[in-house]
Amino acid sequence: MKRILLVAATEFEIEPTLRFLEKWHSYKKNTYILEHIQVTTCITKAGMVNTAFELGQFKGDDIDLAINAGVAGTFDVFKIGEVVNVMKDCFSELGAENDTAFLSIDEIGLGQQKREIKNLFLSKSTDALARASGITVNTVHGNEESIQKIVERYHPDVESMEGAAFIHAANAFNWKAIQLRSISNRVEKRNRDYWNLPLAIQNLNKVLLDLLNELNH
């Protein structure tokens, strides 16, 4: 039986999928047995530190597929509600300031900013999704000047608070992995009136449920 790890920052983002899983037998908290797969859910809370810590607790576990699912902002690349496959990500804030210039952690020789899923999961349910590159931040962008700078530096498609940490863990543990993000808003001066979380969550969970059903049959 294949073991699936479903990772999300909040229950809210994957609530429809959680309600589906709760209909199945659970032999321990947050683990559900379907006909042909075992699904363990991991709610990390927001942020890359929380994500890295929670996933570190699965070291040594036999994970056949890790799925990171959540919402994200787009840098005017995708439509609100579109679900994308984020294959590349970046710890965009990791580095140092040199007066008005930013030096990446790579440039100062202390690490690596960029992450790419080494063992990308492929399936009928997800292959049709647009592929994207992301940045992972501690502070989501909401200032026109900082947005312009980050676009010029990395040319990202989407922004989240967990993606690169998930990819780092998946690569470290040699998991087959996929990061699914549904677009809830544009990255711009903060205005939640322009967000559409219900649509983003609805579409994200449709893809998730289609994927779980595919894996289960």
C-alpha atoms as a PDB file:
ATOM      1  CA  MET A   1       0.000   0.000   0.000  1.00  0.00           C
ATOM      2  CA  LYS A   2       1.463   3.345  -1.050  1.00  0.00           C
ATOM      3  CA  ARG A   3       1.913   5.965   1.635  1.00  0.00           C
ATOM      4  CA  ILE A   4       0.939   9.518   0.735  1.00  0.00           C
ATOM      5  CA  LEU A   5       1.928  12.554   2.818  1.00  0.00           C
ATOM      6  CA  LEU A   6      -0.379  15.537   2.301  1.00  0.00           C
ATOM      7  CA  VAL A   7       1.193  18.761   3.565  1.00  0.00           C
ATOM      8  CA  ALA A   8      -0.608  22.084   4.008  1.00  0.00           C
ATOM      9  CA  ALA A   9      -0.033  25.193   6.086  1.00  0.00           C
ATOM     10  CA  THR A  10      -3.637  25.343   7.322  1.00  0.00           C
ATOM     11  CA  GLU A  11      -6.639  23.032   7.511  1.00  0.00           C
ATOM     12  CA  PHE A  12      -8.669  25.775   5.839  1.00  0.00           C
ATOM     13  CA  GLU A  13      -6.823  25.381   2.531  1.00  0.00           C
ATOM     14  CA  ILE A  14      -7.540  21.646   2.226  1.00  0.00           C
ATOM     15  CA  GLU A  15     -10.753  21.396   4.247  1.00  0.00           C
ATOM     16  CA  PRO A  16     -12.843  19.687   1.507  1.00  0.00           C
ATOM     17  CA  THR A  17     -10.135  17.027   1.137  1.00  0.00           C
ATOM     18  CA  LEU A  18      -9.934  16.554   4.900  1.00  0.00           C
ATOM     19  CA  ARG A  19     -13.711  16.020   5.049  1.00  0.00           C
ATOM     20  CA  PHE A  20     -13.352  13.367   2.335  1.00  0.00           C
ATOM     21  CA  LEU A  21     -10.540  11.583   4.175  1.00  0.00           C
ATOM     22  CA  GLU A  22     -12.445  11.553   7.447  1.00  0.00           C
ATOM     23  CA  LYS A  23     -14.953   9.169   5.874  1.00  0.00           C
ATOM     24  CA  TRP A  24     -12.237   6.494   5.762  1.00  0.00           C
ATOM     25  CA  HIS A  25     -10.829   4.302   8.499  1.00  0.00           C
ATOM     26  CA  SER A  26      -8.182   5.958  10.647  1.00  0.00           C
ATOM     27  CA  TYR A  27      -5.871   3.759  12.719  1.00  0.00           C
ATOM     28  CA  LYS A  28      -4.124   6.762  14.228  1.00  0.00           C
ATOM     29  CA  LYS A  29      -4.579  10.515  14.242  1.00  0.00           C
ATOM     30  CA  ASN A  30      -4.265  12.168  10.817  1.00  0.00           C
ATOM     31  CA  THR A  31      -3.726   8.876   8.953  1.00  0.00           C
ATOM     32  CA  TYR A  32      -6.438   7.370   6.749  1.00  0.00           C
ATOM     33  CA  ILE A  33      -6.662   4.023   4.975  1.00  0.00           C
ATOM     34  CA  LEU A  34      -8.367   4.017   1.578  1.00  0.00           C
ATOM     35  CA  GLU A  35      -8.620   0.949  -0.655  1.00  0.00           C
ATOM     36  CA  HIS A  36      -5.097   1.124  -2.065  1.00  0.00           C
ATOM     37  CA  ILE A  37      -3.374   4.071  -0.408  1.00  0.00           C
ATOM     38  CA  GLN A  38      -2.629   5.367   3.073  1.00  0.00           C
ATOM     39  CA  VAL A  39      -2.861   9.151   3.453  1.00  0.00           C
ATOM     40  CA  THR A  40      -1.208  11.022   6.317  1.00  0.00           C
ATOM     41  CA  THR A  41      -1.969  14.726   6.666  1.00  0.00           C
ATOM     42  CA  CYS A  42       0.514  17.234   8.068  1.00  0.00           C
ATOM     43  CA  ILE A  43      -0.727  20.726   8.938  1.00  0.00           C
ATOM     44  CA  THR A  44       2.446  22.733   9.439  1.00  0.00           C
ATOM     45  CA  LYS A  45       1.078  26.244  10.154  1.00  0.00           C
ATOM     46  CA  ALA A  46       2.305  29.140   8.040  1.00  0.00           C
ATOM     47  CA  GLY A  47       5.941  29.768   7.287  1.00  0.00           C
ATOM     48  CA  MET A  48       9.080  28.010   6.183  1.00  0.00           C
ATOM     49  CA  VAL A  49      10.408  27.358   9.700  1.00  0.00           C
ATOM     50  CA  ASN A  50       7.210  25.601  10.761  1.00  0.00           C
ATOM     51  CA  THR A  51       7.173  23.626   7.523  1.00  0.00           C
ATOM     52  CA  ALA A  52      10.771  22.464   7.847  1.00  0.00           C
ATOM     53  CA  PHE A  53      10.318  21.477  11.498  1.00  0.00           C
ATOM     54  CA  GLU A  54       7.117  19.501  10.934  1.00  0.00           C
ATOM     55  CA  LEU A  55       8.461  17.659   7.901  1.00  0.00           C
ATOM     56  CA  GLY A  56      11.684  16.843   9.729  1.00  0.00           C
ATOM     57  CA  GLN A  57       9.646  14.614  12.002  1.00  0.00           C
ATOM     58  CA  PHE A  58       9.001  12.288   9.045  1.00  0.00           C
ATOM     59  CA  LYS A  59      12.693  11.498   8.620  1.00  0.00           C
ATOM     60  CA  GLY A  60      13.093   7.777   8.084  1.00  0.00           C
ATOM     61  CA  ASP A  61       9.440   7.235   7.226  1.00  0.00           C
ATOM     62  CA  ASP A  62       8.599   5.351   4.046  1.00  0.00           C
ATOM     63  CA  ILE A  63       6.868   8.067   1.994  1.00  0.00           C
ATOM     64  CA  ASP A  64       5.936   7.168  -1.587  1.00  0.00           C
ATOM     65  CA  LEU A  65       4.599  10.616  -2.464  1.00  0.00           C
ATOM     66  CA  ALA A  66       4.617  13.984  -0.694  1.00  0.00           C
ATOM     67  CA  ILE A  67       2.054  16.568  -1.809  1.00  0.00           C
ATOM     68  CA  ASN A  68       2.259  20.205  -0.758  1.00  0.00           C
ATOM     69  CA  ALA A  69      -1.079  21.946  -1.304  1.00  0.00           C
ATOM     70  CA  GLY A  70      -2.064  25.527  -0.635  1.00  0.00           C
ATOM     71  CA  VAL A  71      -2.938  28.936  -1.999  1.00  0.00           C
ATOM     72  CA  ALA A  72      -0.511  31.469  -3.429  1.00  0.00           C
ATOM     73  CA  GLY A  73      -0.271  34.928  -4.894  1.00  0.00           C
ATOM     74  CA  THR A  74       0.643  35.462  -8.539  1.00  0.00           C
ATOM     75  CA  PHE A  75       2.861  38.097 -10.108  1.00  0.00           C
ATOM     76  CA  ASP A  76       0.288  38.727 -12.858  1.00  0.00           C
ATOM     77  CA  VAL A  77       1.165  35.433 -14.529  1.00  0.00           C
ATOM     78  CA  PHE A  78      -1.876  33.255 -13.745  1.00  0.00           C
ATOM     79  CA  LYS A  79      -5.589  33.782 -13.316  1.00  0.00           C
ATOM     80  CA  ILE A  80      -7.284  33.871  -9.924  1.00  0.00           C
ATOM     81  CA  GLY A  81      -8.440  30.335  -9.143  1.00  0.00           C
ATOM     82  CA  GLU A  82      -5.921  28.633 -11.444  1.00  0.00           C
ATOM     83  CA  VAL A  83      -4.095  25.641  -9.946  1.00  0.00           C
ATOM     84  CA  VAL A  84      -0.415  25.381 -10.869  1.00  0.00           C
ATOM     85  CA  ASN A  85       2.430  22.921 -10.383  1.00  0.00           C
ATOM     86  CA  VAL A  86       5.325  24.742  -8.673  1.00  0.00           C
ATOM     87  CA  MET A  87       8.436  22.803  -9.644  1.00  0.00           C
ATOM     88  CA  LYS A  88      11.047  25.429  -8.753  1.00  0.00           C
ATOM     89  CA  ASP A  89      11.164  27.653  -5.681  1.00  0.00           C
ATOM     90  CA  CYS A  90      13.517  30.040  -3.939  1.00  0.00           C
ATOM     91  CA  PHE A  91      14.311  31.361  -0.465  1.00  0.00           C
ATOM     92  CA  SER A  92      14.234  34.854  -1.920  1.00  0.00           C
ATOM     93  CA  GLU A  93      15.087  36.765   1.281  1.00  0.00           C
ATOM     94  CA  LEU A  94      18.073  34.627   2.248  1.00  0.00           C
ATOM     95  CA  GLY A  95      21.192  36.766   1.974  1.00  0.00           C
ATOM     96  CA  ALA A  96      22.627  40.081   3.083  1.00  0.00           C
ATOM     97  CA  GLU A  97      22.239  43.773   2.387  1.00  0.00           C
ATOM     98  CA  ASN A  98      25.214  45.687   1.027  1.00  0.00           C
ATOM     99  CA  ASP A  99      23.966  49.258   1.398  1.00  0.00           C
ATOM    100  CA  THR A 100      21.217  49.419  -1.259  1.00  0.00           C
ATOM    101  CA  ALA A 101      22.264  46.148  -2.965  1.00  0.00           C
ATOM    102  CA  PHE A 102      21.087  42.656  -2.027  1.00  0.00           C
ATOM    103  CA  LEU A 103      23.562  39.785  -1.961  1.00  0.00           C
ATOM    104  CA  SER A 104      22.067  36.317  -2.198  1.00  0.00           C
ATOM    105  CA  ILE A 105      23.210  33.551   0.120  1.00  0.00           C
ATOM    106  CA  ASP A 106      24.908  32.026  -2.929  1.00  0.00           C
ATOM    107  CA  GLU A 107      26.866  35.211  -3.634  1.00  0.00           C
ATOM    108  CA  ILE A 108      28.237  35.388  -0.102  1.00  0.00           C
ATOM    109  CA  GLY A 109      29.084  31.687  -0.166  1.00  0.00           C
ATOM    110  CA  LEU A 110      26.930  30.509   2.719  1.00  0.00           C
ATOM    111  CA  GLY A 111      24.282  28.387   1.071  1.00  0.00           C
ATOM    112  CA  GLN A 112      21.846  27.958  -1.782  1.00  0.00           C
ATOM    113  CA  GLN A 113      18.706  29.965  -2.445  1.00  0.00           C
ATOM    114  CA  LYS A 114      17.030  28.027  -5.212  1.00  0.00           C
ATOM    115  CA  ARG A 115      15.316  24.653  -4.961  1.00  0.00           C
ATOM    116  CA  GLU A 116      13.888  22.378  -7.649  1.00  0.00           C
ATOM    117  CA  ILE A 117      11.985  19.149  -7.049  1.00  0.00           C
ATOM    118  CA  LYS A 118      14.430  16.369  -7.898  1.00  0.00           C
ATOM    119  CA  ASN A 119      11.895  13.537  -8.036  1.00  0.00           C
ATOM    120  CA  LEU A 120       8.847  15.196  -9.563  1.00  0.00           C
ATOM    121  CA  PHE A 121       5.596  13.255  -9.412  1.00  0.00           C
ATOM    122  CA  LEU A 122       3.753  12.895 -12.724  1.00  0.00           C
ATOM    123  CA  SER A 123       0.122  11.869 -13.156  1.00  0.00           C
ATOM    124  CA  LYS A 124      -2.891  12.319 -15.398  1.00  0.00           C
ATOM    125  CA  SER A 125      -4.506  14.545 -12.783  1.00  0.00           C
ATOM    126  CA  THR A 126      -1.649  17.019 -12.621  1.00  0.00           C
ATOM    127  CA  ASP A 127       0.188  16.849 -15.952  1.00  0.00           C
ATOM    128  CA  ALA A 128      -2.209  19.321 -17.562  1.00  0.00           C
ATOM    129  CA  LEU A 129      -1.502  21.991 -14.952  1.00  0.00           C
ATOM    130  CA  ALA A 130       0.683  24.959 -15.815  1.00  0.00           C
ATOM    131  CA  ARG A 131       4.188  24.640 -14.413  1.00  0.00           C
ATOM    132  CA  ALA A 132       5.463  27.506 -12.302  1.00  0.00           C
ATOM    133  CA  SER A 133       8.448  28.882 -10.420  1.00  0.00           C
ATOM    134  CA  GLY A 134       7.957  30.442  -7.018  1.00  0.00           C
ATOM    135  CA  ILE A 135       9.541  32.404  -4.242  1.00  0.00           C
ATOM    136  CA  THR A 136       9.110  31.611  -0.561  1.00  0.00           C
ATOM    137  CA  VAL A 137       8.991  34.544   1.849  1.00  0.00           C
ATOM    138  CA  ASN A 138       8.581  35.401   5.504  1.00  0.00           C
ATOM    139  CA  THR A 139       6.782  38.641   4.620  1.00  0.00           C
ATOM    140  CA  VAL A 140       4.373  38.532   1.695  1.00  0.00           C
ATOM    141  CA  HIS A 141       4.851  41.408  -0.704  1.00  0.00           C
ATOM    142  CA  GLY A 142       2.449  44.353  -0.592  1.00  0.00           C
ATOM    143  CA  ASN A 143       4.597  47.313  -1.582  1.00  0.00           C
ATOM    144  CA  GLU A 144       4.965  48.397  -5.194  1.00  0.00           C
ATOM    145  CA  GLU A 145       8.680  49.156  -4.906  1.00  0.00           C
ATOM    146  CA  SER A 146       9.580  45.850  -3.228  1.00  0.00           C
ATOM    147  CA  ILE A 147       7.417  43.933  -5.700  1.00  0.00           C
ATOM    148  CA  GLN A 148       9.243  45.541  -8.614  1.00  0.00           C
ATOM    149  CA  LYS A 149      12.626  44.673  -7.097  1.00  0.00           C
ATOM    150  CA  ILE A 150      11.734  41.030  -6.476  1.00  0.00           C
ATOM    151  CA  VAL A 151      10.334  40.644  -9.992  1.00  0.00           C
ATOM    152  CA  GLU A 152      13.512  42.078 -11.498  1.00  0.00           C
ATOM    153  CA  ARG A 153      15.689  39.830  -9.313  1.00  0.00           C
ATOM    154  CA  TYR A 154      13.937  36.468  -9.704  1.00  0.00           C
ATOM    155  CA  HIS A 155      11.115  36.761 -12.270  1.00  0.00           C
ATOM    156  CA  PRO A 156       8.816  34.606 -10.102  1.00  0.00           C
ATOM    157  CA  ASP A 157       5.402  33.346 -11.133  1.00  0.00           C
ATOM    158  CA  VAL A 158       3.986  32.841  -7.634  1.00  0.00           C
ATOM    159  CA  GLU A 159       4.685  33.562  -3.982  1.00  0.00           C
ATOM    160  CA  SER A 160       4.083  31.440  -0.878  1.00  0.00           C
ATOM    161  CA  MET A 161       5.399  31.146   2.669  1.00  0.00           C
ATOM    162  CA  GLU A 162       6.246  27.408   2.616  1.00  0.00           C
ATOM    163  CA  GLY A 163       7.083  26.102  -0.858  1.00  0.00           C
ATOM    164  CA  ALA A 164      10.885  26.130  -0.881  1.00  0.00           C
ATOM    165  CA  ALA A 165      11.014  24.567   2.592  1.00  0.00           C
ATOM    166  CA  PHE A 166       8.777  21.727   1.379  1.00  0.00           C
ATOM    167  CA  ILE A 167      10.984  21.121  -1.651  1.00  0.00           C
ATOM    168  CA  HIS A 168      14.124  21.217   0.501  1.00  0.00           C
ATOM    169  CA  ALA A 169      12.707  18.531   2.808  1.00  0.00           C
ATOM    170  CA  ALA A 170      11.404  16.381  -0.049  1.00  0.00           C
ATOM    171  CA  ASN A 171      14.788  16.444  -1.772  1.00  0.00           C
ATOM    172  CA  ALA A 172      16.663  15.763   1.472  1.00  0.00           C
ATOM    173  CA  PHE A 173      14.522  12.691   2.169  1.00  0.00           C
ATOM    174  CA  ASN A 174      14.452  11.618  -1.500  1.00  0.00           C
ATOM    175  CA  TRP A 175      10.658  11.724  -1.674  1.00  0.00           C
ATOM    176  CA  LYS A 176       8.729  11.782  -4.893  1.00  0.00           C
ATOM    177  CA  ALA A 177       6.950  15.124  -4.604  1.00  0.00           C
ATOM    178  CA  ILE A 178       4.656  17.737  -6.086  1.00  0.00           C
ATOM    179  CA  GLN A 179       3.724  21.257  -4.982  1.00  0.00           C
ATOM    180  CA  LEU A 180       0.203  22.330  -5.956  1.00  0.00           C
ATOM    181  CA  ARG A 181      -0.751  25.983  -5.542  1.00  0.00           C
ATOM    182  CA  SER A 182      -4.067  27.616  -6.322  1.00  0.00           C
ATOM    183  CA  ILE A 183      -4.022  31.331  -7.047  1.00  0.00           C
ATOM    184  CA  SER A 184      -6.013  33.330  -4.514  1.00  0.00           C
ATOM    185  CA  ASN A 185      -4.727  36.822  -5.279  1.00  0.00           C
ATOM    186  CA  ARG A 186      -2.335  38.971  -7.235  1.00  0.00           C
ATOM    187  CA  VAL A 187       0.848  40.134  -5.557  1.00  0.00           C
ATOM    188  CA  GLU A 188       0.128  43.846  -5.206  1.00  0.00           C
ATOM    189  CA  LYS A 189      -0.641  46.471  -2.580  1.00  0.00           C
ATOM    190  CA  ARG A 190      -2.632  44.485  -0.032  1.00  0.00           C
ATOM    191  CA  ASN A 191      -6.375  44.582  -0.733  1.00  0.00           C
ATOM    192  CA  ARG A 192      -8.312  41.504   0.331  1.00  0.00           C
ATOM    193  CA  ASP A 193     -11.376  42.738  -1.555  1.00  0.00           C
ATOM    194  CA  TYR A 194      -9.616  41.516  -4.704  1.00  0.00           C
ATOM    195  CA  TRP A 195      -8.829  38.083  -3.286  1.00  0.00           C
ATOM    196  CA  ASN A 196     -10.923  35.023  -4.067  1.00  0.00           C
ATOM    197  CA  LEU A 197     -10.052  32.404  -1.475  1.00  0.00           C
ATOM    198  CA  PRO A 198     -13.284  30.393  -1.923  1.00  0.00           C
ATOM    199  CA  LEU A 199     -12.578  29.884  -5.634  1.00  0.00           C
ATOM    200  CA  ALA A 200      -8.914  29.089  -5.048  1.00  0.00           C
ATOM    201  CA  ILE A 201      -9.722  26.533  -2.356  1.00  0.00           C
ATOM    202  CA  GLN A 202     -12.529  24.974  -4.386  1.00  0.00           C
ATOM    203  CA  ASN A 203     -10.270  24.477  -7.413  1.00  0.00           C
ATOM    204  CA  LEU A 204      -7.300  23.290  -5.370  1.00  0.00           C
ATOM    205  CA  ASN A 205      -9.333  20.616  -3.648  1.00  0.00           C
ATOM    206  CA  LYS A 206     -10.908  19.449  -6.895  1.00  0.00           C
ATOM    207  CA  VAL A 207      -7.394  18.729  -8.181  1.00  0.00           C
ATOM    208  CA  LEU A 208      -6.421  17.107  -4.873  1.00  0.00           C
ATOM    209  CA  LEU A 209      -9.460  14.833  -4.811  1.00  0.00           C
ATOM    210  CA  ASP A 210      -8.979  13.868  -8.455  1.00  0.00           C
ATOM    211  CA  LEU A 211      -5.361  13.021  -7.668  1.00  0.00           C
ATOM    212  CA  LEU A 212      -6.216  10.939  -4.588  1.00  0.00           C
ATOM    213  CA  ASN A 213      -8.896   9.050  -6.508  1.00  0.00           C
ATOM    214  CA  GLU A 214      -6.414   8.370  -9.302  1.00  0.00           C
ATOM    215  CA  LEU A 215      -3.844   7.083  -6.815  1.00  0.00           C
ATOM    216  CA  ASN A 216      -6.460   4.936  -5.113  1.00  0.00           C
ATOM    217  CA  HIS A 217      -7.524   3.066  -8.261  1.00  0.00           C
END
